[in-house]
Amino acid sequence: MNITQDQIAKARDRVPLAFQAPLQVRVRRYALWVCFTGLFCWCLYDFNISPARIWEGLGRFGTVASFMFPPYIWTSWAEFSEILNGLGETLAIAFLGTVLGAVFAFPLSFLGAKNINRLNWLRLSTRRGYDVIRAFETLILALIFIRAFGLGPLAGILAIAVSEIGTFAKLFSEAIENTSNKPVEGVKASGGSRLQQIRYGIAPQVNPVIMSILLYNFESNVRSGTILGIVGAGGIGFLLSDRIAAYKWGEAWSIIFLIIAMVYVIDWLSGIVRQRLIGKTDLAK
């Protein structure tokens, strides 16, 4: 039986309370909105965020932005090679940190997957370990490793790698849990061992997802590598911080533009790789 809109309108006019949420639900909803609004306003007041302060800050930002134009153009190879070396160093830090994090996270992800690890205490302990690692921000890890290993790219690589172990292990384990059990049952029915079930039943399903996660996080780590350079972990961030500290705003803007261009190229290339992986997966189906 189909109910028309006219019938619904007549029923709403006849018994309007039947189309409303219960009183308790409405009161709870309004109370949550009041608490949210009050918390938001209190944060604005406590942090001294006022229209006058924002307007004054925008004026100062306009002054700083005017110092950046025209952008600086390097006239000698010695100057420009230093910038290119910083960009390459940042790219290498992000690449090595991502690869090292994935190498250690991949086996740990199987311990946190419900369809692989049947021991609840071990699986839950492993997952809490993911959370502990992810609780440390990459910048904090970089400061710790700088104190331990000194200034340079090594601290940045280790900071990204350790941070990505928790992130990759969590994402990989969730991807493994979301795989279909039918291919595993097929391998099992043909006499395959537990390792073969994972190799031929789960891995083909999860590999494109893992590769997509790796490519996306590599892009993100390139941006993170820039920030890590500012605190002394090597890369283009160190050169950018040096130019800003010396009030060389034109050169700083040129470095920022090169960073944006590098991130754009990496995003474009990783998009092509993702598209080809998805295409291969579709053809396999």
Protein backbone atom coordinates (compact mmCIF):
# COMPACT_ATOMS: atom_id res chain seq x y z
CA MET A 1 0.00 0.00 0.00
CA ASN A 2 1.44 3.35 -1.09
CA ILE A 3 0.89 6.39 1.13
CA THR A 4 0.67 9.71 -0.66
CA GLN A 5 2.10 13.00 0.53
CA ASP A 6 -1.42 14.37 1.00
CA GLN A 7 -2.26 11.54 3.39
CA ILE A 8 0.91 12.19 5.36
CA ALA A 9 0.09 15.91 5.55
CA LYS A 10 -3.44 15.21 6.78
CA ALA A 11 -2.14 12.77 9.39
CA ARG A 12 0.40 15.36 10.58
CA ASP A 13 -2.34 17.98 10.92
CA ARG A 14 -4.56 15.53 12.81
CA VAL A 15 -1.93 14.18 15.25
CA PRO A 16 1.12 16.50 15.10
CA LEU A 17 2.73 15.07 18.24
CA ALA A 18 3.03 11.66 16.60
CA PHE A 19 5.49 13.14 14.08
CA GLN A 20 7.71 14.72 16.71
CA ALA A 21 10.52 13.20 18.71
CA PRO A 22 9.64 12.27 22.32
CA LEU A 23 9.99 15.03 24.90
CA GLN A 24 13.05 13.41 26.50
CA VAL A 25 14.82 13.20 23.15
CA ARG A 26 14.05 16.84 22.34
CA VAL A 27 15.21 18.05 25.75
CA ARG A 28 18.42 16.05 25.44
CA ARG A 29 18.99 17.40 21.96
CA TYR A 30 18.47 21.03 23.01
CA ALA A 31 20.71 20.55 26.07
CA LEU A 32 23.51 19.19 23.89
CA TRP A 33 23.24 22.13 21.53
CA VAL A 34 23.27 24.59 24.44
CA CYS A 35 26.36 22.90 25.93
CA PHE A 36 28.11 22.86 22.56
CA THR A 37 27.33 26.54 21.91
CA GLY A 38 28.39 27.51 25.43
CA LEU A 39 31.67 25.59 25.14
CA PHE A 40 32.38 27.16 21.76
CA CYS A 41 31.75 30.70 23.05
CA TRP A 42 33.79 30.08 26.19
CA CYS A 43 36.76 28.90 24.11
CA LEU A 44 36.55 32.06 21.99
CA TYR A 45 36.50 34.20 25.14
CA ASP A 46 39.23 32.30 26.99
CA PHE A 47 41.61 32.39 24.00
CA ASN A 48 40.90 36.10 23.48
CA ILE A 49 39.62 35.59 19.95
CA SER A 50 37.88 38.86 19.16
CA PRO A 51 36.98 40.62 15.87
CA ALA A 52 39.39 43.44 16.72
CA ARG A 53 42.29 41.04 17.24
CA ILE A 54 41.50 39.16 14.01
CA TRP A 55 41.28 42.40 12.05
CA GLU A 56 44.60 43.58 13.46
CA GLY A 57 46.19 40.22 12.66
CA LEU A 58 44.93 40.34 9.09
CA GLY A 59 46.57 43.75 8.67
CA ARG A 60 49.89 42.40 9.92
CA PHE A 61 49.54 39.34 7.70
CA GLY A 62 49.00 41.60 4.70
CA THR A 63 52.21 43.44 5.57
CA VAL A 64 54.15 40.17 5.79
CA ALA A 65 52.60 38.91 2.54
CA SER A 66 53.65 42.12 0.78
CA PHE A 67 57.27 41.36 1.69
CA MET A 68 57.01 38.08 -0.25
CA PHE A 69 56.41 39.77 -3.61
CA PRO A 70 58.01 39.63 -6.00
CA PRO A 71 59.27 36.09 -5.34
CA TYR A 72 63.02 35.59 -5.27
CA ILE A 73 64.66 34.07 -8.33
CA TRP A 74 67.96 32.31 -7.80
CA THR A 75 70.60 33.53 -10.25
CA SER A 76 73.40 31.06 -9.48
CA TRP A 77 73.48 27.28 -9.49
CA ALA A 78 75.22 27.22 -6.11
CA GLU A 79 72.23 28.89 -4.44
CA PHE A 80 69.58 26.88 -6.30
CA SER A 81 71.37 23.56 -5.79
CA GLU A 82 71.12 24.06 -2.02
CA ILE A 83 67.34 24.41 -2.35
CA LEU A 84 67.07 21.37 -4.62
CA ASN A 85 69.17 19.37 -2.16
CA GLY A 86 66.77 20.36 0.63
CA LEU A 87 63.75 19.30 -1.42
CA GLY A 88 65.38 15.99 -2.27
CA GLU A 89 66.30 15.44 1.37
CA THR A 90 62.70 16.06 2.46
CA LEU A 91 61.47 13.62 -0.19
CA ALA A 92 63.99 11.00 0.96
CA ILE A 93 63.01 11.46 4.62
CA ALA A 94 59.34 10.95 3.78
CA PHE A 95 60.06 7.92 1.57
CA LEU A 96 62.36 6.13 4.01
CA GLY A 97 60.12 6.88 6.98
CA THR A 98 57.06 5.57 5.14
CA VAL A 99 58.80 2.38 3.98
CA LEU A 100 60.30 1.61 7.39
CA GLY A 101 56.97 2.21 9.10
CA ALA A 102 55.19 -0.12 6.65
CA VAL A 103 57.83 -2.86 7.02
CA PHE A 104 57.34 -3.02 10.78
CA ALA A 105 53.59 -2.39 10.69
CA PHE A 106 52.70 -5.11 8.17
CA PRO A 107 53.40 -8.14 10.42
CA LEU A 108 51.93 -6.35 13.44
CA SER A 109 48.69 -5.75 11.52
CA PHE A 110 47.98 -9.50 11.38
CA LEU A 111 48.16 -9.69 15.18
CA GLY A 112 45.46 -7.02 15.42
CA ALA A 113 43.09 -8.53 12.83
CA LYS A 114 40.13 -10.45 14.25
CA ASN A 115 39.96 -12.95 11.39
CA ILE A 116 43.68 -13.82 11.78
CA ASN A 117 44.39 -13.64 15.50
CA ARG A 118 41.78 -15.56 17.52
CA LEU A 119 43.41 -14.78 20.90
CA ASN A 120 41.41 -11.88 22.28
CA TRP A 121 43.96 -10.84 24.89
CA LEU A 122 46.79 -10.72 22.34
CA ARG A 123 44.71 -8.96 19.71
CA LEU A 124 43.39 -6.31 22.11
CA SER A 125 46.84 -5.77 23.60
CA THR A 126 48.26 -5.29 20.12
CA ARG A 127 45.56 -2.79 19.23
CA ARG A 128 46.20 -0.80 22.42
CA GLY A 129 49.84 -0.78 21.38
CA TYR A 130 48.78 0.86 18.09
CA ASP A 131 46.98 3.55 20.10
CA VAL A 132 50.00 4.21 22.31
CA ILE A 133 52.26 4.73 19.28
CA ARG A 134 49.73 6.95 17.51
CA ALA A 135 49.35 9.09 20.67
CA PHE A 136 52.80 10.60 20.01
CA GLU A 137 52.74 13.35 17.40
CA THR A 138 55.45 13.16 14.74
CA LEU A 139 56.84 16.53 15.78
CA ILE A 140 57.24 15.36 19.40
CA LEU A 141 59.01 12.20 18.21
CA ALA A 142 61.32 14.31 16.07
CA LEU A 143 62.32 16.44 19.08
CA ILE A 144 63.01 13.27 21.09
CA PHE A 145 65.09 11.67 18.33
CA ILE A 146 67.01 14.92 17.76
CA ARG A 147 68.10 14.78 21.38
CA ALA A 148 69.06 11.12 20.99
CA PHE A 149 70.67 11.05 17.52
CA GLY A 150 71.47 14.70 16.88
CA LEU A 151 70.37 17.07 14.14
CA GLY A 152 69.84 15.77 10.63
CA PRO A 153 67.66 13.53 8.47
CA LEU A 154 68.02 10.44 10.70
CA ALA A 155 65.84 11.99 13.40
CA GLY A 156 63.17 12.88 10.83
CA ILE A 157 63.20 9.40 9.29
CA LEU A 158 62.83 7.70 12.67
CA ALA A 159 60.08 10.12 13.76
CA ILE A 160 57.99 9.40 10.65
CA ALA A 161 58.69 5.66 10.79
CA VAL A 162 57.67 5.25 14.44
CA SER A 163 54.56 7.39 13.98
CA GLU A 164 53.54 5.43 10.89
CA ILE A 165 53.94 2.05 12.59
CA GLY A 166 50.87 2.75 14.73
CA THR A 167 48.89 4.30 11.87
CA PHE A 168 49.74 1.65 9.27
CA ALA A 169 49.22 -1.27 11.66
CA LYS A 170 45.73 -0.01 12.56
CA LEU A 171 44.69 0.68 8.95
CA PHE A 172 46.19 -2.57 7.63
CA SER A 173 44.48 -4.67 10.32
CA GLU A 174 41.12 -3.05 9.56
CA ALA A 175 41.62 -3.73 5.85
CA ILE A 176 42.43 -7.38 6.62
CA GLU A 177 39.30 -7.71 8.75
CA ASN A 178 37.12 -6.35 5.94
CA THR A 179 38.18 -9.01 3.43
CA SER A 180 35.80 -11.70 2.22
CA ASN A 181 36.14 -15.15 3.76
CA LYS A 182 35.10 -17.03 0.58
CA PRO A 183 38.56 -17.10 -1.06
CA VAL A 184 40.05 -18.29 2.25
CA GLU A 185 37.52 -21.11 2.43
CA GLY A 186 38.37 -22.07 -1.16
CA VAL A 187 42.09 -22.32 -0.38
CA LYS A 188 41.30 -24.22 2.81
CA ALA A 189 39.04 -26.69 0.95
CA SER A 190 41.82 -27.42 -1.53
CA GLY A 191 44.14 -28.40 1.33
CA GLY A 192 46.01 -25.12 1.78
CA SER A 193 47.79 -24.37 5.04
CA ARG A 194 46.99 -21.36 7.23
CA LEU A 195 49.88 -19.43 5.68
CA GLN A 196 48.68 -20.29 2.18
CA GLN A 197 45.17 -19.14 3.09
CA ILE A 198 46.60 -15.75 4.04
CA ARG A 199 48.88 -15.64 0.99
CA TYR A 200 46.33 -16.62 -1.66
CA GLY A 201 43.01 -15.83 0.03
CA ILE A 202 43.56 -12.57 1.92
CA ALA A 203 46.62 -10.92 0.37
CA PRO A 204 45.13 -10.43 -3.15
CA GLN A 205 42.14 -8.67 -1.60
CA VAL A 206 44.07 -6.42 0.76
CA ASN A 207 47.17 -5.54 -1.30
CA PRO A 208 45.53 -2.76 -3.40
CA VAL A 209 44.10 -1.21 -0.23
CA ILE A 210 47.48 -1.33 1.49
CA MET A 211 49.19 0.24 -1.52
CA SER A 212 46.62 3.03 -1.60
CA ILE A 213 47.19 3.71 2.11
CA LEU A 214 50.96 3.79 1.56
CA LEU A 215 50.69 6.25 -1.30
CA TYR A 216 48.35 8.57 0.59
CA ASN A 217 50.50 8.56 3.73
CA PHE A 218 53.63 9.14 1.66
CA GLU A 219 52.05 12.34 0.35
CA SER A 220 51.19 13.36 3.90
CA ASN A 221 54.69 12.55 5.13
CA VAL A 222 56.22 14.83 2.50
CA ARG A 223 54.33 17.70 4.14
CA SER A 224 55.27 16.43 7.60
CA GLY A 225 58.90 16.24 6.53
CA THR A 226 58.80 19.95 5.77
CA ILE A 227 57.63 20.73 9.31
CA LEU A 228 60.22 18.39 10.83
CA GLY A 229 62.98 20.30 9.06
CA ILE A 230 62.00 23.45 10.93
CA VAL A 231 62.89 21.82 14.28
CA GLY A 232 66.22 20.54 12.95
CA ALA A 233 65.38 17.16 11.42
CA GLY A 234 66.81 18.06 8.03
CA GLY A 235 65.17 18.83 4.71
CA ILE A 236 63.78 21.93 3.09
CA GLY A 237 62.05 23.00 6.30
CA PHE A 238 65.40 23.96 7.81
CA LEU A 239 66.18 26.23 4.86
CA LEU A 240 62.70 27.75 4.99
CA SER A 241 63.05 28.46 8.71
CA ASP A 242 66.46 30.00 8.12
CA ARG A 243 65.12 32.35 5.43
CA ILE A 244 62.17 33.42 7.60
CA ALA A 245 64.44 34.05 10.59
CA ALA A 246 66.67 36.23 8.35
CA TYR A 247 63.58 38.15 7.05
CA LYS A 248 64.29 37.01 3.49
CA TRP A 249 60.58 36.86 2.71
CA GLY A 250 60.95 36.79 -1.07
CA GLU A 251 63.20 33.73 -0.91
CA ALA A 252 60.90 32.14 1.68
CA TRP A 253 57.94 32.53 -0.67
CA SER A 254 59.90 30.93 -3.52
CA ILE A 255 60.74 27.95 -1.28
CA ILE A 256 57.07 27.64 -0.28
CA PHE A 257 56.08 27.68 -3.94
CA LEU A 258 58.58 24.88 -4.70
CA ILE A 259 57.21 22.83 -1.79
CA ILE A 260 53.66 23.26 -3.13
CA ALA A 261 54.82 22.22 -6.61
CA MET A 262 56.61 19.14 -5.22
CA VAL A 263 53.54 18.05 -3.24
CA TYR A 264 51.34 18.58 -6.32
CA VAL A 265 53.61 16.44 -8.52
CA ILE A 266 53.70 13.66 -5.91
CA ASP A 267 49.92 13.78 -5.59
CA TRP A 268 49.54 13.57 -9.38
CA LEU A 269 51.92 10.64 -9.72
CA SER A 270 50.40 8.72 -6.81
CA GLY A 271 46.96 9.29 -8.33
CA ILE A 272 48.13 7.65 -11.55
CA VAL A 273 49.55 4.70 -9.62
CA ARG A 274 46.28 4.31 -7.66
CA GLN A 275 44.23 4.40 -10.85
CA ARG A 276 46.34 1.69 -12.45
CA LEU A 277 46.10 -0.48 -9.35
CA ILE A 278 42.32 -0.13 -9.29
CA GLY A 279 42.19 -0.90 -12.99
CA LYS A 280 44.22 -4.09 -12.51
CA THR A 281 41.96 -5.09 -9.64
CA ASP A 282 38.85 -4.56 -11.77
CA LEU A 283 40.30 -6.61 -14.60
CA ALA A 284 41.11 -9.40 -12.19
CA LYS A 285 37.49 -9.52 -11.15
